[in-house]
Amino acid sequence: MAALITTPRREPATRGRLRVADRAYARIAARAAREALADAWAGRTAKGAPPAVSVAVPGSTVTVRVAVELPFPADIAALARAVRERVAAQVAGFTGTRVSEVVVVVERLVTGGVS
């Protein structure tokens, strides 16, 4: 029978580093923004462009900027808040990185297309 080799357990903070690429943060944020707006676009023939996302990772936090097109008429403030909250929650949840800020920029309002 082979001898079992054991190594002492180390605390998570001493095991090493994990680097999440900016591209990964951006993809998570873009998907979260699309999901947050899915109901607002449902039933419309006109659709907005996909969200444009940029991220900055100063130290151990991430700052996200999301540029979106929103349907009009709609509650713009509520949609922007939904995007901000969902992006912050999903980025933090998937990466374990603290989100210091999510800036939502409304690039354009898309009228019409209501079926």
Protein backbone atom coordinates (compact mmCIF):
# COMPACT_ATOMS: atom_id res chain seq x y z
CA MET A 1 0.00 0.00 0.00
CA ALA A 2 1.33 3.45 -0.92
CA ALA A 3 1.95 5.97 1.81
CA LEU A 4 -0.40 8.93 1.85
CA ILE A 5 1.48 12.19 1.58
CA THR A 6 -0.22 15.12 3.20
CA THR A 7 0.66 18.75 3.00
CA PRO A 8 -0.28 21.27 5.65
CA ARG A 9 -3.38 23.33 4.85
CA ARG A 10 -2.69 26.95 4.12
CA GLU A 11 -5.09 29.80 4.53
CA PRO A 12 -6.68 31.02 1.27
CA ALA A 13 -4.85 34.35 1.44
CA THR A 14 -1.48 32.59 1.45
CA ARG A 15 -2.15 30.16 -1.41
CA GLY A 16 -1.34 32.55 -4.25
CA ARG A 17 -2.93 35.15 -6.48
CA LEU A 18 -5.78 35.21 -8.91
CA ARG A 19 -5.81 37.78 -11.68
CA VAL A 20 -9.07 38.35 -13.51
CA ALA A 21 -8.57 39.87 -16.95
CA ASP A 22 -10.28 43.18 -17.70
CA ARG A 23 -11.94 41.42 -20.63
CA ALA A 24 -13.61 38.97 -18.22
CA TYR A 25 -14.98 41.78 -16.07
CA ALA A 26 -16.31 43.50 -19.20
CA ARG A 27 -18.03 40.34 -20.48
CA ILE A 28 -19.70 39.68 -17.14
CA ALA A 29 -20.88 43.30 -16.93
CA ALA A 30 -22.19 43.35 -20.52
CA ARG A 31 -24.20 40.18 -19.97
CA ALA A 32 -25.59 41.50 -16.68
CA ALA A 33 -26.67 44.74 -18.39
CA ARG A 34 -28.41 42.81 -21.20
CA GLU A 35 -30.21 40.65 -18.64
CA ALA A 36 -31.30 43.70 -16.63
CA LEU A 37 -32.83 45.26 -19.76
CA ALA A 38 -34.36 42.12 -21.28
CA ASP A 39 -37.89 42.77 -20.00
CA ALA A 40 -37.80 46.41 -21.12
CA TRP A 41 -37.00 45.33 -24.70
CA ALA A 42 -39.45 42.41 -24.75
CA GLY A 43 -42.22 42.81 -27.32
CA ARG A 44 -40.49 45.59 -29.25
CA THR A 45 -39.45 45.30 -32.86
CA ALA A 46 -36.82 48.03 -32.53
CA LYS A 47 -33.86 46.99 -30.40
CA GLY A 48 -30.98 48.95 -28.95
CA ALA A 49 -27.33 48.22 -29.55
CA PRO A 50 -25.56 45.87 -27.13
CA PRO A 51 -24.10 47.55 -24.04
CA ALA A 52 -20.59 48.95 -24.40
CA VAL A 53 -18.53 48.27 -21.29
CA SER A 54 -15.19 49.53 -20.06
CA VAL A 55 -13.53 48.63 -16.79
CA ALA A 56 -10.74 49.94 -14.61
CA VAL A 57 -9.11 47.82 -11.94
CA PRO A 58 -7.27 50.12 -9.54
CA GLY A 59 -5.86 47.82 -6.90
CA SER A 60 -8.30 45.32 -5.45
CA THR A 61 -11.52 46.94 -6.72
CA VAL A 62 -13.15 47.31 -10.11
CA THR A 63 -14.91 50.31 -11.61
CA VAL A 64 -17.32 49.63 -14.45
CA ARG A 65 -18.74 52.01 -17.09
CA VAL A 66 -21.72 50.72 -19.06
CA ALA A 67 -23.10 52.63 -22.06
CA VAL A 68 -26.61 51.51 -22.98
CA GLU A 69 -29.43 52.33 -25.34
CA LEU A 70 -32.84 52.27 -23.69
CA PRO A 71 -36.38 51.95 -25.03
CA PHE A 72 -38.55 55.02 -24.91
CA PRO A 73 -41.01 55.59 -23.39
CA ALA A 74 -39.82 53.89 -20.22
CA ASP A 75 -38.75 54.73 -16.68
CA ILE A 76 -35.15 55.66 -17.53
CA ALA A 77 -34.03 56.05 -13.90
CA ALA A 78 -35.43 52.64 -12.92
CA LEU A 79 -33.77 50.93 -15.91
CA ALA A 80 -30.41 52.57 -15.16
CA ARG A 81 -30.71 51.55 -11.50
CA ALA A 82 -31.53 47.96 -12.51
CA VAL A 83 -28.46 47.86 -14.76
CA ARG A 84 -26.22 49.33 -12.06
CA GLU A 85 -27.43 46.90 -9.37
CA ARG A 86 -27.27 43.79 -11.56
CA VAL A 87 -23.82 44.62 -12.94
CA ALA A 88 -22.43 45.25 -9.45
CA ALA A 89 -23.94 42.06 -8.05
CA GLN A 90 -22.83 39.78 -10.88
CA VAL A 91 -19.31 41.15 -11.21
CA ALA A 92 -18.75 40.82 -7.46
CA GLY A 93 -20.47 37.46 -7.32
CA PHE A 94 -18.60 35.83 -10.20
CA THR A 95 -15.15 37.29 -9.53
CA GLY A 96 -15.07 37.97 -5.80
CA THR A 97 -13.80 41.47 -6.55
CA ARG A 98 -15.33 44.46 -4.79
CA VAL A 99 -17.09 46.79 -7.22
CA SER A 100 -16.33 50.36 -6.22
CA GLU A 101 -18.55 52.04 -8.82
CA VAL A 102 -20.85 51.29 -11.74
CA VAL A 103 -21.50 54.24 -14.03
CA VAL A 104 -24.45 53.83 -16.40
CA VAL A 105 -24.44 56.16 -19.40
CA VAL A 106 -27.58 56.35 -21.53
CA GLU A 107 -26.24 56.82 -25.04
CA ARG A 108 -29.55 56.87 -26.89
CA LEU A 109 -33.27 56.41 -26.43
CA VAL A 110 -34.88 54.13 -29.01
CA THR A 111 -38.45 55.11 -29.83
CA GLY A 112 -41.15 53.03 -31.47
CA GLY A 113 -41.12 49.38 -32.19
CA VAL A 114 -43.85 48.53 -29.66
CA SER A 115 -45.86 45.58 -30.95
